[in-house]
Amino acid sequence: MVKCPFCGKEVEWLKHRATEVREYIFEVIDGEADYHSEDLVESYDEEYRCPHCGRVIARSEDEAIQFLTGEG
């Protein structure tokens, strides 16, 4: 098992955080707002963080895989 380079605790998984832009169809049905048919338009600012200390360990999925598999 790998350890966080910042806090030294064992890490089995990472917290993933990203900024996403999503697109929805918006309608008013029976006087109520209705959102549906979401599409992911863009995803950026990805971060993979230690679940213990919250520090950023990787900034891409490939880096996160390398870290968790001990290849990084």
PDB file of N, CA and C in Angstrom:
ATOM      1  N   MET A   1       0.844  -1.178   0.000  1.00  0.00           N
ATOM      2  CA  MET A   1       0.000   0.000   0.000  1.00  0.00           C
ATOM      3  C   MET A   1       0.893   1.246   0.000  1.00  0.00           C
ATOM      4  N   VAL A   2       0.420   2.283  -0.695  1.00  0.00           N
ATOM      5  CA  VAL A   2       1.208   3.513  -0.796  1.00  0.00           C
ATOM      6  C   VAL A   2       0.897   4.449   0.367  1.00  0.00           C
ATOM      7  N   LYS A   3       1.807   5.387   0.597  1.00  0.00           N
ATOM      8  CA  LYS A   3       1.636   6.367   1.668  1.00  0.00           C
ATOM      9  C   LYS A   3       1.615   7.772   1.081  1.00  0.00           C
ATOM     10  N   CYS A   4       0.843   8.635   1.698  1.00  0.00           N
ATOM     11  CA  CYS A   4       0.782  10.033   1.287  1.00  0.00           C
ATOM     12  C   CYS A   4       2.155  10.663   1.501  1.00  0.00           C
ATOM     13  N   PRO A   5       2.682  11.363   0.488  1.00  0.00           N
ATOM     14  CA  PRO A   5       3.993  11.995   0.644  1.00  0.00           C
ATOM     15  C   PRO A   5       3.972  13.188   1.608  1.00  0.00           C
ATOM     16  N   PHE A   6       2.795  13.640   1.995  1.00  0.00           N
ATOM     17  CA  PHE A   6       2.686  14.798   2.877  1.00  0.00           C
ATOM     18  C   PHE A   6       2.450  14.410   4.338  1.00  0.00           C
ATOM     19  N   CYS A   7       1.473  13.528   4.589  1.00  0.00           N
ATOM     20  CA  CYS A   7       1.145  13.179   5.978  1.00  0.00           C
ATOM     21  C   CYS A   7       1.678  11.809   6.390  1.00  0.00           C
ATOM     22  N   GLY A   8       2.123  11.009   5.409  1.00  0.00           N
ATOM     23  CA  GLY A   8       2.710   9.711   5.707  1.00  0.00           C
ATOM     24  C   GLY A   8       1.720   8.597   6.010  1.00  0.00           C
ATOM     25  N   LYS A   9       0.416   8.877   5.927  1.00  0.00           N
ATOM     26  CA  LYS A   9      -0.585   7.843   6.203  1.00  0.00           C
ATOM     27  C   LYS A   9      -0.800   6.970   4.969  1.00  0.00           C
ATOM     28  N   GLU A  10      -1.194   5.711   5.218  1.00  0.00           N
ATOM     29  CA  GLU A  10      -1.467   4.794   4.117  1.00  0.00           C
ATOM     30  C   GLU A  10      -2.709   5.253   3.357  1.00  0.00           C
ATOM     31  N   VAL A  11      -2.638   5.132   2.030  1.00  0.00           N
ATOM     32  CA  VAL A  11      -3.715   5.607   1.161  1.00  0.00           C
ATOM     33  C   VAL A  11      -4.174   4.462   0.266  1.00  0.00           C
ATOM     34  N   GLU A  12      -5.467   4.150   0.314  1.00  0.00           N
ATOM     35  CA  GLU A  12      -6.061   3.122  -0.547  1.00  0.00           C
ATOM     36  C   GLU A  12      -6.831   3.745  -1.700  1.00  0.00           C
ATOM     37  N   TRP A  13      -7.278   4.979  -1.516  1.00  0.00           N
ATOM     38  CA  TRP A  13      -8.068   5.688  -2.527  1.00  0.00           C
ATOM     39  C   TRP A  13      -7.814   7.186  -2.376  1.00  0.00           C
ATOM     40  N   LEU A  14      -8.205   7.946  -3.402  1.00  0.00           N
ATOM     41  CA  LEU A  14      -8.029   9.396  -3.404  1.00  0.00           C
ATOM     42  C   LEU A  14      -9.375  10.086  -3.589  1.00  0.00           C
ATOM     43  N   LYS A  15      -9.488  11.296  -3.075  1.00  0.00           N
ATOM     44  CA  LYS A  15     -10.671  12.118  -3.333  1.00  0.00           C
ATOM     45  C   LYS A  15     -10.450  12.843  -4.653  1.00  0.00           C
ATOM     46  N   HIS A  16     -11.418  12.736  -5.557  1.00  0.00           N
ATOM     47  CA  HIS A  16     -11.324  13.404  -6.856  1.00  0.00           C
ATOM     48  C   HIS A  16     -12.180  14.661  -6.822  1.00  0.00           C
ATOM     49  N   ARG A  17     -11.585  15.764  -7.259  1.00  0.00           N
ATOM     50  CA  ARG A  17     -12.306  17.030  -7.325  1.00  0.00           C
ATOM     51  C   ARG A  17     -12.044  17.636  -8.696  1.00  0.00           C
ATOM     52  N   ALA A  18     -13.115  18.104  -9.360  1.00  0.00           N
ATOM     53  CA  ALA A  18     -12.974  18.724 -10.676  1.00  0.00           C
ATOM     54  C   ALA A  18     -14.044  19.790 -10.844  1.00  0.00           C
ATOM     55  N   THR A  19     -13.741  20.763 -11.665  1.00  0.00           N
ATOM     56  CA  THR A  19     -14.725  21.759 -12.053  1.00  0.00           C
ATOM     57  C   THR A  19     -15.347  21.269 -13.349  1.00  0.00           C
ATOM     58  N   GLU A  20     -16.661  21.213 -13.379  1.00  0.00           N
ATOM     59  CA  GLU A  20     -17.344  20.721 -14.574  1.00  0.00           C
ATOM     60  C   GLU A  20     -18.367  21.736 -15.054  1.00  0.00           C
ATOM     61  N   VAL A  21     -18.509  21.804 -16.361  1.00  0.00           N
ATOM     62  CA  VAL A  21     -19.564  22.595 -16.976  1.00  0.00           C
ATOM     63  C   VAL A  21     -20.548  21.597 -17.565  1.00  0.00           C
ATOM     64  N   ARG A  22     -21.797  21.657 -17.115  1.00  0.00           N
ATOM     65  CA  ARG A  22     -22.843  20.751 -17.592  1.00  0.00           C
ATOM     66  C   ARG A  22     -23.945  21.568 -18.255  1.00  0.00           C
ATOM     67  N   GLU A  23     -24.601  20.940 -19.214  1.00  0.00           N
ATOM     68  CA  GLU A  23     -25.669  21.606 -19.950  1.00  0.00           C
ATOM     69  C   GLU A  23     -26.962  20.823 -19.752  1.00  0.00           C
ATOM     70  N   TYR A  24     -28.042  21.532 -19.422  1.00  0.00           N
ATOM     71  CA  TYR A  24     -29.342  20.919 -19.171  1.00  0.00           C
ATOM     72  C   TYR A  24     -30.404  21.571 -20.044  1.00  0.00           C
ATOM     73  N   ILE A  25     -31.470  20.844 -20.279  1.00  0.00           N
ATOM     74  CA  ILE A  25     -32.668  21.432 -20.865  1.00  0.00           C
ATOM     75  C   ILE A  25     -33.519  21.897 -19.687  1.00  0.00           C
ATOM     76  N   PHE A  26     -33.923  23.151 -19.717  1.00  0.00           N
ATOM     77  CA  PHE A  26     -34.731  23.718 -18.639  1.00  0.00           C
ATOM     78  C   PHE A  26     -36.121  24.024 -19.169  1.00  0.00           C
ATOM     79  N   GLU A  27     -37.134  23.533 -18.460  1.00  0.00           N
ATOM     80  CA  GLU A  27     -38.524  23.794 -18.818  1.00  0.00           C
ATOM     81  C   GLU A  27     -39.305  24.118 -17.550  1.00  0.00           C
ATOM     82  N   VAL A  28     -40.461  24.721 -17.742  1.00  0.00           N
ATOM     83  CA  VAL A  28     -41.407  24.899 -16.649  1.00  0.00           C
ATOM     84  C   VAL A  28     -42.592  23.997 -16.967  1.00  0.00           C
ATOM     85  N   ILE A  29     -42.830  23.013 -16.095  1.00  0.00           N
ATOM     86  CA  ILE A  29     -43.920  22.060 -16.286  1.00  0.00           C
ATOM     87  C   ILE A  29     -44.847  22.168 -15.079  1.00  0.00           C
ATOM     88  N   ASP A  30     -46.102  22.470 -15.351  1.00  0.00           N
ATOM     89  CA  ASP A  30     -47.097  22.656 -14.284  1.00  0.00           C
ATOM     90  C   ASP A  30     -46.616  23.659 -13.235  1.00  0.00           C
ATOM     91  N   GLY A  31     -45.968  24.727 -13.710  1.00  0.00           N
ATOM     92  CA  GLY A  31     -45.519  25.783 -12.815  1.00  0.00           C
ATOM     93  C   GLY A  31     -44.249  25.483 -12.043  1.00  0.00           C
ATOM     94  N   GLU A  32     -43.638  24.325 -12.293  1.00  0.00           N
ATOM     95  CA  GLU A  32     -42.425  23.913 -11.577  1.00  0.00           C
ATOM     96  C   GLU A  32     -41.230  23.845 -12.529  1.00  0.00           C
ATOM     97  N   ALA A  33     -40.070  24.220 -12.021  1.00  0.00           N
ATOM     98  CA  ALA A  33     -38.839  24.128 -12.813  1.00  0.00           C
ATOM     99  C   ALA A  33     -38.471  22.667 -13.025  1.00  0.00           C
ATOM    100  N   ASP A  34     -38.036  22.339 -14.239  1.00  0.00           N
ATOM    101  CA  ASP A  34     -37.646  20.965 -14.562  1.00  0.00           C
ATOM    102  C   ASP A  34     -36.355  21.002 -15.382  1.00  0.00           C
ATOM    103  N   TYR A  35     -35.338  20.315 -14.889  1.00  0.00           N
ATOM    104  CA  TYR A  35     -34.056  20.206 -15.578  1.00  0.00           C
ATOM    105  C   TYR A  35     -33.879  18.753 -16.000  1.00  0.00           C
ATOM    106  N   HIS A  36     -33.472  18.512 -17.244  1.00  0.00           N
ATOM    107  CA  HIS A  36     -33.212  17.139 -17.669  1.00  0.00           C
ATOM    108  C   HIS A  36     -32.256  17.106 -18.853  1.00  0.00           C
ATOM    109  N   SER A  37     -31.880  15.912 -19.247  1.00  0.00           N
ATOM    110  CA  SER A  37     -30.969  15.663 -20.377  1.00  0.00           C
ATOM    111  C   SER A  37     -29.628  16.368 -20.196  1.00  0.00           C
ATOM    112  N   GLU A  38     -28.971  16.096 -19.080  1.00  0.00           N
ATOM    113  CA  GLU A  38     -27.696  16.749 -18.834  1.00  0.00           C
ATOM    114  C   GLU A  38     -26.607  16.196 -19.746  1.00  0.00           C
ATOM    115  N   ASP A  39     -25.714  17.054 -20.148  1.00  0.00           N
ATOM    116  CA  ASP A  39     -24.536  16.688 -20.927  1.00  0.00           C
ATOM    117  C   ASP A  39     -23.325  17.339 -20.281  1.00  0.00           C
ATOM    118  N   LEU A  40     -22.244  16.591 -20.172  1.00  0.00           N
ATOM    119  CA  LEU A  40     -20.995  17.160 -19.683  1.00  0.00           C
ATOM    120  C   LEU A  40     -20.350  17.899 -20.845  1.00  0.00           C
ATOM    121  N   VAL A  41     -20.188  19.195 -20.694  1.00  0.00           N
ATOM    122  CA  VAL A  41     -19.621  20.024 -21.752  1.00  0.00           C
ATOM    123  C   VAL A  41     -18.108  20.090 -21.618  1.00  0.00           C
ATOM    124  N   GLU A  42     -17.641  20.259 -20.391  1.00  0.00           N
ATOM    125  CA  GLU A  42     -16.206  20.422 -20.165  1.00  0.00           C
ATOM    126  C   GLU A  42     -15.873  20.047 -18.723  1.00  0.00           C
ATOM    127  N   SER A  43     -14.697  19.484 -18.537  1.00  0.00           N
ATOM    128  CA  SER A  43     -14.208  19.166 -17.198  1.00  0.00           C
ATOM    129  C   SER A  43     -12.767  19.655 -17.119  1.00  0.00           C
ATOM    130  N   TYR A  44     -12.436  20.377 -16.068  1.00  0.00           N
ATOM    131  CA  TYR A  44     -11.078  20.905 -15.929  1.00  0.00           C
ATOM    132  C   TYR A  44     -10.735  21.093 -14.457  1.00  0.00           C
ATOM    133  N   ASP A  45      -9.530  21.511 -14.189  1.00  0.00           N
ATOM    134  CA  ASP A  45      -9.025  21.711 -12.825  1.00  0.00           C
ATOM    135  C   ASP A  45      -9.160  20.452 -11.970  1.00  0.00           C
ATOM    136  N   GLU A  46      -8.770  19.308 -12.537  1.00  0.00           N
ATOM    137  CA  GLU A  46      -8.852  18.058 -11.791  1.00  0.00           C
ATOM    138  C   GLU A  46      -7.786  17.999 -10.707  1.00  0.00           C
ATOM    139  N   GLU A  47      -8.187  17.480  -9.551  1.00  0.00           N
ATOM    140  CA  GLU A  47      -7.265  17.256  -8.440  1.00  0.00           C
ATOM    141  C   GLU A  47      -7.616  15.933  -7.781  1.00  0.00           C
ATOM    142  N   TYR A  48      -6.603  15.202  -7.389  1.00  0.00           N
ATOM    143  CA  TYR A  48      -6.771  13.956  -6.647  1.00  0.00           C
ATOM    144  C   TYR A  48      -6.075  14.165  -5.315  1.00  0.00           C
ATOM    145  N   ARG A  49      -6.856  14.106  -4.220  1.00  0.00           N
ATOM    146  CA  ARG A  49      -6.358  14.494  -2.901  1.00  0.00           C
ATOM    147  C   ARG A  49      -6.272  13.324  -1.936  1.00  0.00           C
ATOM    148  N   CYS A  50      -5.351  13.446  -0.993  1.00  0.00           N
ATOM    149  CA  CYS A  50      -5.225  12.476   0.091  1.00  0.00           C
ATOM    150  C   CYS A  50      -6.507  12.509   0.924  1.00  0.00           C
ATOM    151  N   PRO A  51      -7.105  11.349   1.224  1.00  0.00           N
ATOM    152  CA  PRO A  51      -8.324  11.340   2.032  1.00  0.00           C
ATOM    153  C   PRO A  51      -8.082  11.693   3.500  1.00  0.00           C
ATOM    154  N   HIS A  52      -6.828  11.730   3.927  1.00  0.00           N
ATOM    155  CA  HIS A  52      -6.504  12.026   5.321  1.00  0.00           C
ATOM    156  C   HIS A  52      -6.172  13.505   5.538  1.00  0.00           C
ATOM    157  N   CYS A  53      -5.224  14.036   4.768  1.00  0.00           N
ATOM    158  CA  CYS A  53      -4.784  15.424   4.981  1.00  0.00           C
ATOM    159  C   CYS A  53      -5.350  16.401   3.955  1.00  0.00           C
ATOM    160  N   GLY A  54      -5.909  15.893   2.841  1.00  0.00           N
ATOM    161  CA  GLY A  54      -6.520  16.754   1.842  1.00  0.00           C
ATOM    162  C   GLY A  54      -5.565  17.404   0.866  1.00  0.00           C
ATOM    163  N   ARG A  55      -4.276  17.106   0.971  1.00  0.00           N
ATOM    164  CA  ARG A  55      -3.299  17.710   0.050  1.00  0.00           C
ATOM    165  C   ARG A  55      -3.406  17.071  -1.333  1.00  0.00           C
ATOM    166  N   VAL A  56      -3.113  17.849  -2.372  1.00  0.00           N
ATOM    167  CA  VAL A  56      -3.180  17.362  -3.750  1.00  0.00           C
ATOM    168  C   VAL A  56      -1.998  16.440  -4.019  1.00  0.00           C
ATOM    169  N   ILE A  57      -2.297  15.222  -4.463  1.00  0.00           N
ATOM    170  CA  ILE A  57      -1.272  14.226  -4.770  1.00  0.00           C
ATOM    171  C   ILE A  57      -1.089  14.089  -6.278  1.00  0.00           C
ATOM    172  N   ALA A  58      -2.175  14.259  -7.051  1.00  0.00           N
ATOM    173  CA  ALA A  58      -2.102  14.112  -8.509  1.00  0.00           C
ATOM    174  C   ALA A  58      -3.045  15.118  -9.158  1.00  0.00           C
ATOM    175  N   ARG A  59      -2.739  15.459 -10.411  1.00  0.00           N
ATOM    176  CA  ARG A  59      -3.574  16.412 -11.146  1.00  0.00           C
ATOM    177  C   ARG A  59      -4.156  15.822 -12.427  1.00  0.00           C
ATOM    178  N   SER A  60      -4.035  14.505 -12.595  1.00  0.00           N
ATOM    179  CA  SER A  60      -4.660  13.826 -13.731  1.00  0.00           C
ATOM    180  C   SER A  60      -4.989  12.403 -13.311  1.00  0.00           C
ATOM    181  N   GLU A  61      -5.885  11.770 -14.055  1.00  0.00           N
ATOM    182  CA  GLU A  61      -6.240  10.384 -13.761  1.00  0.00           C
ATOM    183  C   GLU A  61      -5.026   9.476 -13.894  1.00  0.00           C
ATOM    184  N   ASP A  62      -4.212   9.703 -14.916  1.00  0.00           N
ATOM    185  CA  ASP A  62      -3.015   8.879 -15.112  1.00  0.00           C
ATOM    186  C   ASP A  62      -2.064   8.995 -13.920  1.00  0.00           C
ATOM    187  N   GLU A  63      -1.842  10.215 -13.428  1.00  0.00           N
ATOM    188  CA  GLU A  63      -0.979  10.412 -12.258  1.00  0.00           C
ATOM    189  C   GLU A  63      -1.564   9.725 -11.029  1.00  0.00           C
ATOM    190  N   ALA A  64      -2.885   9.784 -10.865  1.00  0.00           N
ATOM    191  CA  ALA A  64      -3.545   9.150  -9.720  1.00  0.00           C
ATOM    192  C   ALA A  64      -3.388   7.632  -9.778  1.00  0.00           C
ATOM    193  N   ILE A  65      -3.538   7.062 -10.963  1.00  0.00           N
ATOM    194  CA  ILE A  65      -3.361   5.615 -11.137  1.00  0.00           C
ATOM    195  C   ILE A  65      -1.925   5.227 -10.807  1.00  0.00           C
ATOM    196  N   GLN A  66      -0.969   5.990 -11.318  1.00  0.00           N
ATOM    197  CA  GLN A  66       0.438   5.700 -11.038  1.00  0.00           C
ATOM    198  C   GLN A  66       0.723   5.765  -9.542  1.00  0.00           C
ATOM    199  N   PHE A  67       0.169   6.751  -8.861  1.00  0.00           N
ATOM    200  CA  PHE A  67       0.388   6.876  -7.423  1.00  0.00           C
ATOM    201  C   PHE A  67      -0.199   5.679  -6.681  1.00  0.00           C
ATOM    202  N   LEU A  68      -1.463   5.360  -6.951  1.00  0.00           N
ATOM    203  CA  LEU A  68      -2.139   4.293  -6.211  1.00  0.00           C
ATOM    204  C   LEU A  68      -1.570   2.903  -6.495  1.00  0.00           C
ATOM    205  N   THR A  69      -0.975   2.729  -7.672  1.00  0.00           N
ATOM    206  CA  THR A  69      -0.386   1.429  -8.009  1.00  0.00           C
ATOM    207  C   THR A  69       1.096   1.368  -7.655  1.00  0.00           C
ATOM    208  N   GLY A  70       1.627   2.464  -7.110  1.00  0.00           N
ATOM    209  CA  GLY A  70       3.023   2.492  -6.706  1.00  0.00           C
ATOM    210  C   GLY A  70       3.999   2.660  -7.847  1.00  0.00           C
ATOM    211  N   GLU A  71       3.495   3.082  -9.013  1.00  0.00           N
ATOM    212  CA  GLU A  71       4.346   3.247 -10.198  1.00  0.00           C
ATOM    213  C   GLU A  71       4.856   4.672 -10.352  1.00  0.00           C
ATOM    214  N   GLY A  72       4.408   5.570  -9.502  1.00  0.00           N
ATOM    215  CA  GLY A  72       4.761   6.976  -9.677  1.00  0.00           C
ATOM    216  C   GLY A  72       5.910   7.451  -8.865  1.00  0.00           C
TER     217      GLY A  72
END
